[in-house]
C-alpha atoms as a PDB file:
ATOM      1  CA  MET A   1     -34.451   0.637   4.577  1.00  0.00           C
ATOM      2  CA  LYS A   2     -31.968   1.259   7.358  1.00  0.00           C
ATOM      3  CA  ILE A   3     -28.740   2.664   5.946  1.00  0.00           C
ATOM      4  CA  LEU A   4     -25.584   3.022   7.999  1.00  0.00           C
ATOM      5  CA  VAL A   5     -22.928   5.289   6.483  1.00  0.00           C
ATOM      6  CA  ILE A   6     -19.470   4.751   7.958  1.00  0.00           C
ATOM      7  CA  ASN A   7     -17.436   7.806   7.061  1.00  0.00           C
ATOM      8  CA  GLY A   8     -13.705   7.197   7.261  1.00  0.00           C
ATOM      9  CA  SER A   9     -12.575  10.718   6.441  1.00  0.00           C
ATOM     10  CA  PRO A  10     -11.039  12.723   9.311  1.00  0.00           C
ATOM     11  CA  LYS A  11     -12.701  15.767   7.681  1.00  0.00           C
ATOM     12  CA  LYS A  12     -16.095  14.326   8.636  1.00  0.00           C
ATOM     13  CA  GLU A  13     -18.904  16.246   6.855  1.00  0.00           C
ATOM     14  CA  LYS A  14     -16.347  18.345   4.952  1.00  0.00           C
ATOM     15  CA  SER A  15     -14.935  15.234   3.303  1.00  0.00           C
ATOM     16  CA  ASP A  16     -14.563  15.412  -0.467  1.00  0.00           C
ATOM     17  CA  THR A  17     -15.944  11.879  -0.702  1.00  0.00           C
ATOM     18  CA  MET A  18     -19.023  12.719   1.388  1.00  0.00           C
ATOM     19  CA  HIS A  19     -20.246  14.948  -1.459  1.00  0.00           C
ATOM     20  CA  ILE A  20     -20.461  11.788  -3.550  1.00  0.00           C
ATOM     21  CA  THR A  21     -22.079   9.812  -0.743  1.00  0.00           C
ATOM     22  CA  ARG A  22     -24.726  12.462  -0.077  1.00  0.00           C
ATOM     23  CA  ALA A  23     -25.623  12.557  -3.786  1.00  0.00           C
ATOM     24  CA  PHE A  24     -25.986   8.763  -3.788  1.00  0.00           C
ATOM     25  CA  LEU A  25     -28.265   8.931  -0.736  1.00  0.00           C
ATOM     26  CA  ASP A  26     -30.309  11.712  -2.348  1.00  0.00           C
ATOM     27  CA  GLY A  27     -30.916   9.420  -5.285  1.00  0.00           C
ATOM     28  CA  MET A  28     -31.966   6.543  -3.059  1.00  0.00           C
ATOM     29  CA  ASN A  29     -34.356   8.810  -1.171  1.00  0.00           C
ATOM     30  CA  GLU A  30     -35.925   9.914  -4.465  1.00  0.00           C
ATOM     31  CA  VAL A  31     -37.193   6.356  -4.836  1.00  0.00           C
ATOM     32  CA  SER A  32     -38.193   5.792  -1.207  1.00  0.00           C
ATOM     33  CA  GLN A  33     -37.372   7.441   2.095  1.00  0.00           C
ATOM     34  CA  ASN A  34     -34.730   5.649   4.079  1.00  0.00           C
ATOM     35  CA  GLU A  35     -33.558   5.801   7.666  1.00  0.00           C
ATOM     36  CA  VAL A  36     -29.967   7.027   7.414  1.00  0.00           C
ATOM     37  CA  HIS A  37     -27.395   7.258  10.186  1.00  0.00           C
ATOM     38  CA  ILE A  38     -23.852   8.524   9.615  1.00  0.00           C
ATOM     39  CA  ILE A  39     -20.949   7.466  11.811  1.00  0.00           C
ATOM     40  CA  HIS A  40     -17.721   9.444  11.640  1.00  0.00           C
ATOM     41  CA  ALA A  41     -14.985   6.959  12.553  1.00  0.00           C
ATOM     42  CA  ILE A  42     -12.698   9.746  13.780  1.00  0.00           C
ATOM     43  CA  ASP A  43     -15.251  10.678  16.485  1.00  0.00           C
ATOM     44  CA  LYS A  44     -15.503   7.188  17.943  1.00  0.00           C
ATOM     45  CA  HIS A  45     -13.433   5.612  20.695  1.00  0.00           C
ATOM     46  CA  ILE A  46     -12.207   2.472  18.990  1.00  0.00           C
ATOM     47  CA  GLU A  47      -9.235   0.630  20.415  1.00  0.00           C
ATOM     48  CA  TYR A  48      -6.931  -1.259  18.075  1.00  0.00           C
ATOM     49  CA  CYS A  49      -7.556  -4.979  17.613  1.00  0.00           C
ATOM     50  CA  THR A  50      -4.877  -6.925  19.492  1.00  0.00           C
ATOM     51  CA  GLY A  51      -5.357 -10.127  17.505  1.00  0.00           C
ATOM     52  CA  CYS A  52      -6.080 -12.138  20.651  1.00  0.00           C
ATOM     53  CA  PHE A  53      -9.121 -13.780  18.980  1.00  0.00           C
ATOM     54  CA  ALA A  54     -11.026 -13.839  22.280  1.00  0.00           C
ATOM     55  CA  CYS A  55     -14.078 -12.450  20.468  1.00  0.00           C
ATOM     56  CA  MET A  56     -14.004 -15.298  17.947  1.00  0.00           C
ATOM     57  CA  ARG A  57     -13.895 -17.903  20.696  1.00  0.00           C
ATOM     58  CA  ASN A  58     -16.383 -16.564  23.242  1.00  0.00           C
ATOM     59  CA  GLY A  59     -19.429 -15.587  21.268  1.00  0.00           C
ATOM     60  CA  GLY A  60     -18.317 -12.184  20.028  1.00  0.00           C
ATOM     61  CA  ASN A  61     -17.280 -10.537  23.286  1.00  0.00           C
ATOM     62  CA  CYS A  62     -14.250  -8.298  22.739  1.00  0.00           C
ATOM     63  CA  ILE A  63     -11.746  -7.524  25.492  1.00  0.00           C
ATOM     64  CA  HIS A  64     -12.195  -3.795  24.780  1.00  0.00           C
ATOM     65  CA  ASN A  65     -15.120  -1.917  26.251  1.00  0.00           C
ATOM     66  CA  ASP A  66     -15.450   0.986  23.845  1.00  0.00           C
ATOM     67  CA  ASP A  67     -17.768   2.396  21.163  1.00  0.00           C
ATOM     68  CA  MET A  68     -17.314  -0.616  18.904  1.00  0.00           C
ATOM     69  CA  ARG A  69     -19.903  -2.676  20.771  1.00  0.00           C
ATOM     70  CA  GLY A  70     -22.644  -0.225  19.842  1.00  0.00           C
ATOM     71  CA  ILE A  71     -21.365   0.073  16.270  1.00  0.00           C
ATOM     72  CA  LEU A  72     -21.527  -3.706  15.791  1.00  0.00           C
ATOM     73  CA  GLU A  73     -25.101  -3.711  17.050  1.00  0.00           C
ATOM     74  CA  GLU A  74     -26.004  -0.957  14.604  1.00  0.00           C
ATOM     75  CA  ILE A  75     -24.292  -2.769  11.733  1.00  0.00           C
ATOM     76  CA  LEU A  76     -26.372  -5.890  12.378  1.00  0.00           C
ATOM     77  CA  ASP A  77     -29.527  -3.792  12.661  1.00  0.00           C
ATOM     78  CA  SER A  78     -28.949  -2.151   9.263  1.00  0.00           C
ATOM     79  CA  ASP A  79     -29.927  -3.246   5.764  1.00  0.00           C
ATOM     80  CA  LEU A  80     -27.201  -1.399   3.869  1.00  0.00           C
ATOM     81  CA  LEU A  81     -23.674  -0.387   4.880  1.00  0.00           C
ATOM     82  CA  ILE A  82     -22.053   2.434   2.915  1.00  0.00           C
ATOM     83  CA  TRP A  83     -18.310   2.677   3.461  1.00  0.00           C
ATOM     84  CA  SER A  84     -17.361   6.216   2.474  1.00  0.00           C
ATOM     85  CA  TYR A  85     -13.740   7.275   2.564  1.00  0.00           C
ATOM     86  CA  PRO A  86     -10.895   8.987   0.703  1.00  0.00           C
ATOM     87  CA  LEU A  87      -7.976   6.954  -0.524  1.00  0.00           C
ATOM     88  CA  TYR A  88      -5.054   7.066   1.928  1.00  0.00           C
ATOM     89  CA  CYS A  89      -1.883   5.295   0.742  1.00  0.00           C
ATOM     90  CA  TYR A  90      -4.054   3.207  -1.608  1.00  0.00           C
ATOM     91  CA  GLY A  91      -6.285   2.087   1.266  1.00  0.00           C
ATOM     92  CA  MET A  92      -8.553   3.497   3.942  1.00  0.00           C
ATOM     93  CA  PRO A  93      -7.728   6.089   6.655  1.00  0.00           C
ATOM     94  CA  ALA A  94      -6.437   4.649   9.940  1.00  0.00           C
ATOM     95  CA  PRO A  95      -9.588   5.345  12.062  1.00  0.00           C
ATOM     96  CA  LEU A  96     -11.708   3.406   9.588  1.00  0.00           C
ATOM     97  CA  LYS A  97      -9.206   0.561   9.352  1.00  0.00           C
ATOM     98  CA  ALA A  98      -9.331   0.252  13.157  1.00  0.00           C
ATOM     99  CA  LEU A  99     -13.122   0.017  12.930  1.00  0.00           C
ATOM    100  CA  LEU A 100     -12.976  -2.594  10.183  1.00  0.00           C
ATOM    101  CA  ASP A 101     -10.464  -4.681  12.149  1.00  0.00           C
ATOM    102  CA  ARG A 102     -12.820  -4.652  15.114  1.00  0.00           C
ATOM    103  CA  THR A 103     -15.637  -6.293  13.137  1.00  0.00           C
ATOM    104  CA  LEU A 104     -13.849  -9.557  13.928  1.00  0.00           C
ATOM    105  CA  PRO A 105     -16.452 -10.506  16.597  1.00  0.00           C
ATOM    106  CA  LEU A 106     -18.954 -11.114  13.800  1.00  0.00           C
ATOM    107  CA  SER A 107     -16.961 -14.216  12.789  1.00  0.00           C
ATOM    108  CA  SER A 108     -15.810 -17.371  14.560  1.00  0.00           C
ATOM    109  CA  MET A 109     -12.480 -19.194  14.429  1.00  0.00           C
ATOM    110  CA  ALA A 110     -14.072 -21.975  12.336  1.00  0.00           C
ATOM    111  CA  MET A 111     -13.328 -21.911   8.614  1.00  0.00           C
ATOM    112  CA  GLN A 112     -15.188 -23.181   5.595  1.00  0.00           C
ATOM    113  CA  LYS A 113     -14.251 -23.403   1.939  1.00  0.00           C
ATOM    114  CA  VAL A 114     -16.227 -21.100  -0.327  1.00  0.00           C
ATOM    115  CA  GLY A 115     -15.288 -21.476  -3.979  1.00  0.00           C
ATOM    116  CA  ASP A 116     -11.496 -21.434  -4.185  1.00  0.00           C
ATOM    117  CA  ARG A 117     -10.827 -19.777  -0.823  1.00  0.00           C
ATOM    118  CA  TYR A 118     -11.512 -20.283   2.876  1.00  0.00           C
ATOM    119  CA  GLU A 119     -13.635 -17.929   4.956  1.00  0.00           C
ATOM    120  CA  HIS A 120     -14.425 -17.699   8.650  1.00  0.00           C
ATOM    121  CA  VAL A 121     -17.873 -18.942   9.613  1.00  0.00           C
ATOM    122  CA  GLY A 122     -20.048 -16.153  10.967  1.00  0.00           C
ATOM    123  CA  GLN A 123     -21.209 -16.216  14.561  1.00  0.00           C
ATOM    124  CA  ALA A 124     -23.682 -13.408  13.870  1.00  0.00           C
ATOM    125  CA  ASP A 125     -26.294 -13.290  11.105  1.00  0.00           C
ATOM    126  CA  PHE A 126     -25.378 -10.575   8.624  1.00  0.00           C
ATOM    127  CA  SER A 127     -26.679 -12.380   5.536  1.00  0.00           C
ATOM    128  CA  HIS A 128     -29.279  -9.636   5.020  1.00  0.00           C
ATOM    129  CA  LEU A 129     -26.684  -6.895   4.601  1.00  0.00           C
ATOM    130  CA  LYS A 130     -25.727  -5.173   1.366  1.00  0.00           C
ATOM    131  CA  TYR A 131     -22.529  -3.165   1.004  1.00  0.00           C
ATOM    132  CA  VAL A 132     -21.545  -0.098  -0.992  1.00  0.00           C
ATOM    133  CA  LEU A 133     -18.037   1.324  -1.273  1.00  0.00           C
ATOM    134  CA  ILE A 134     -17.770   5.017  -2.171  1.00  0.00           C
ATOM    135  CA  CYS A 135     -14.142   6.081  -2.455  1.00  0.00           C
ATOM    136  CA  GLY A 136     -12.570   9.241  -3.824  1.00  0.00           C
ATOM    137  CA  CYS A 137      -8.952  10.081  -4.456  1.00  0.00           C
ATOM    138  CA  GLY A 138      -6.878  13.151  -5.257  1.00  0.00           C
ATOM    139  CA  PHE A 139      -5.181  11.664  -8.306  1.00  0.00           C
ATOM    140  CA  PRO A 140      -6.597  12.296 -11.789  1.00  0.00           C
ATOM    141  CA  ASN A 141      -6.709   8.652 -12.833  1.00  0.00           C
ATOM    142  CA  SER A 142      -8.493   5.603 -11.467  1.00  0.00           C
ATOM    143  CA  LYS A 143      -6.129   2.953 -12.787  1.00  0.00           C
ATOM    144  CA  HIS A 144      -3.170   2.050 -10.569  1.00  0.00           C
ATOM    145  CA  ASN A 145      -4.778   3.810  -7.586  1.00  0.00           C
ATOM    146  CA  PHE A 146      -8.033   2.191  -6.460  1.00  0.00           C
ATOM    147  CA  GLU A 147      -7.110  -1.457  -7.070  1.00  0.00           C
ATOM    148  CA  PRO A 148      -5.884  -2.231  -3.505  1.00  0.00           C
ATOM    149  CA  ALA A 149      -9.003  -0.700  -1.921  1.00  0.00           C
ATOM    150  CA  VAL A 150     -11.273  -2.521  -4.358  1.00  0.00           C
ATOM    151  CA  MET A 151      -9.521  -5.837  -3.680  1.00  0.00           C
ATOM    152  CA  GLN A 152      -9.806  -5.393   0.088  1.00  0.00           C
ATOM    153  CA  PHE A 153     -13.507  -4.530  -0.163  1.00  0.00           C
ATOM    154  CA  THR A 154     -14.156  -7.496  -2.430  1.00  0.00           C
ATOM    155  CA  ARG A 155     -12.423  -9.862  -0.019  1.00  0.00           C
ATOM    156  CA  CYS A 156     -14.122  -8.443   3.099  1.00  0.00           C
ATOM    157  CA  PHE A 157     -17.570  -8.295   1.499  1.00  0.00           C
ATOM    158  CA  PRO A 158     -17.615 -10.893  -1.305  1.00  0.00           C
ATOM    159  CA  ASN A 159     -21.405 -10.833  -1.663  1.00  0.00           C
ATOM    160  CA  GLU A 160     -23.950  -8.099  -2.342  1.00  0.00           C
ATOM    161  CA  HIS A 161     -21.378  -5.360  -2.925  1.00  0.00           C
ATOM    162  CA  THR A 162     -21.329  -2.299  -5.187  1.00  0.00           C
ATOM    163  CA  MET A 163     -18.308  -0.036  -5.657  1.00  0.00           C
ATOM    164  CA  ILE A 164     -18.021   3.589  -6.777  1.00  0.00           C
ATOM    165  CA  THR A 165     -14.508   4.997  -7.136  1.00  0.00           C
ATOM    166  CA  VAL A 166     -14.064   8.626  -8.215  1.00  0.00           C
ATOM    167  CA  PRO A 167     -10.772  10.316  -9.134  1.00  0.00           C
ATOM    168  CA  GLU A 168     -10.197  14.094  -8.858  1.00  0.00           C
ATOM    169  CA  SER A 169     -12.515  14.155  -5.831  1.00  0.00           C
ATOM    170  CA  PRO A 170     -10.984  17.310  -4.210  1.00  0.00           C
ATOM    171  CA  MET A 171     -12.848  19.260  -6.891  1.00  0.00           C
ATOM    172  CA  PHE A 172     -16.110  18.540  -5.069  1.00  0.00           C
ATOM    173  CA  ASN A 173     -14.983  20.995  -2.362  1.00  0.00           C
ATOM    174  CA  ALA A 174     -13.969  23.650  -4.915  1.00  0.00           C
ATOM    175  CA  PRO A 175     -16.898  25.996  -5.802  1.00  0.00           C
ATOM    176  CA  GLU A 176     -15.109  27.111  -8.970  1.00  0.00           C
ATOM    177  CA  ALA A 177     -15.286  23.523 -10.265  1.00  0.00           C
ATOM    178  CA  ALA A 178     -19.091  23.401 -10.121  1.00  0.00           C
ATOM    179  CA  VAL A 179     -19.335  23.337 -13.916  1.00  0.00           C
ATOM    180  CA  VAL A 180     -18.018  19.765 -13.856  1.00  0.00           C
ATOM    181  CA  THR A 181     -18.804  18.586 -10.308  1.00  0.00           C
ATOM    182  CA  VAL A 182     -22.528  19.380 -10.343  1.00  0.00           C
ATOM    183  CA  PRO A 183     -23.207  17.232 -13.448  1.00  0.00           C
ATOM    184  CA  ARG A 184     -21.089  14.441 -11.944  1.00  0.00           C
ATOM    185  CA  LEU A 185     -23.072  14.501  -8.709  1.00  0.00           C
ATOM    186  CA  GLU A 186     -26.263  14.312 -10.765  1.00  0.00           C
ATOM    187  CA  LEU A 187     -24.926  11.091 -12.279  1.00  0.00           C
ATOM    188  CA  VAL A 188     -24.203   9.781  -8.773  1.00  0.00           C
ATOM    189  CA  LYS A 189     -27.739  10.700  -7.738  1.00  0.00           C
ATOM    190  CA  LYS A 190     -29.018   8.730 -10.728  1.00  0.00           C
ATOM    191  CA  ALA A 191     -26.878   5.806  -9.573  1.00  0.00           C
ATOM    192  CA  GLY A 192     -28.493   6.006  -6.142  1.00  0.00           C
ATOM    193  CA  MET A 193     -31.907   5.826  -7.780  1.00  0.00           C
ATOM    194  CA  GLN A 194     -30.873   2.808  -9.839  1.00  0.00           C
ATOM    195  CA  PHE A 195     -29.469   1.078  -6.783  1.00  0.00           C
ATOM    196  CA  ALA A 196     -32.666   1.711  -4.804  1.00  0.00           C
ATOM    197  CA  GLU A 197     -34.775   0.322  -7.628  1.00  0.00           C
ATOM    198  CA  ASN A 198     -32.636  -2.602  -8.815  1.00  0.00           C
ATOM    199  CA  GLY A 199     -29.957  -3.226  -6.178  1.00  0.00           C
ATOM    200  CA  ALA A 200     -27.299  -2.471  -8.789  1.00  0.00           C
ATOM    201  CA  ILE A 201     -25.861   0.308 -10.960  1.00  0.00           C
ATOM    202  CA  GLY A 202     -25.668   0.020 -14.740  1.00  0.00           C
ATOM    203  CA  ASP A 203     -22.194  -0.503 -16.177  1.00  0.00           C
ATOM    204  CA  GLU A 204     -22.357   2.485 -18.534  1.00  0.00           C
ATOM    205  CA  LEU A 205     -23.455   4.841 -15.762  1.00  0.00           C
ATOM    206  CA  LEU A 206     -20.769   3.512 -13.450  1.00  0.00           C
ATOM    207  CA  LYS A 207     -18.167   4.043 -16.176  1.00  0.00           C
ATOM    208  CA  GLU A 208     -19.241   7.684 -16.513  1.00  0.00           C
ATOM    209  CA  ILE A 209     -19.110   8.293 -12.772  1.00  0.00           C
ATOM    210  CA  THR A 210     -15.682   6.775 -12.295  1.00  0.00           C
ATOM    211  CA  SER A 211     -14.038   8.615 -15.190  1.00  0.00           C
ATOM    212  CA  PRO A 212     -12.007  11.844 -14.728  1.00  0.00           C
ATOM    213  CA  MET A 213     -14.123  15.014 -14.711  1.00  0.00           C
ATOM    214  CA  ILE A 214     -11.476  17.003 -16.591  1.00  0.00           C
ATOM    215  CA  PRO A 215      -8.454  15.799 -18.584  1.00  0.00           C
ATOM    216  CA  GLU A 216      -5.776  14.273 -16.380  1.00  0.00           C
ATOM    217  CA  GLU A 217      -3.074  16.675 -17.524  1.00  0.00           C
ATOM    218  CA  GLN A 218      -5.279  19.710 -16.850  1.00  0.00           C
ATOM    219  CA  TYR A 219      -6.131  18.477 -13.352  1.00  0.00           C
ATOM    220  CA  ALA A 220      -2.489  17.816 -12.506  1.00  0.00           C
ATOM    221  CA  GLU A 221      -1.558  21.296 -13.775  1.00  0.00           C
ATOM    222  CA  ILE A 222      -4.224  22.903 -11.556  1.00  0.00           C
ATOM    223  CA  VAL A 223      -3.083  20.978  -8.497  1.00  0.00           C
ATOM    224  CA  ASN A 224       0.574  21.763  -9.111  1.00  0.00           C
ATOM    225  CA  GLY A 225      -0.210  25.434  -9.688  1.00  0.00           C
ATOM    226  CA  SER A 226      -2.067  25.752  -6.377  1.00  0.00           C
ATOM    227  CA  MET A 227       0.861  24.512  -4.304  1.00  0.00           C
END
């Protein structure tokens, strides 16, 4: 399987969330070896979408000649897209949002009704793609934090999507927190194995992964004490 990881964190490999993503990939590779390529959005030259819709009218050709052309080709050549990023203002970091906006050439101006909503008709074939969201945040609770990111991901990728949201993710970069982070990453690795085998993650396992690693009050006290 060809897996494209799009890392939205400006920290690149040092991203808190990338610890989760690497564990997930390790689990997938336990089942079968995959071809994995990681793109760091911050490293790419990606101009902002101007909303001119030229790409949606002329067969996908954007007015910008930048790195996005190659990224779109790689997206279409992949089997699985993993969107890995930390929560910024309840959404994704700006470099990744610019990249997501520039996927517009994959769709046309034509619309069709799907269920109770309208969607743009694709002008590229990406029906084979599966999507995984891996998102971490610095707050100790999942509720009232991840909902906007989850909604956006669900709307952008309504089919074949899996979402992993992890609170307290800065602990993954804290060696002294290994007593709780190492077992959590083992659960994520198990999730990667399940996904590779079944194309999905069990609800109970997902519930464990997305729960706080330590009590919310204790985490908040640690964060406040380190400031």
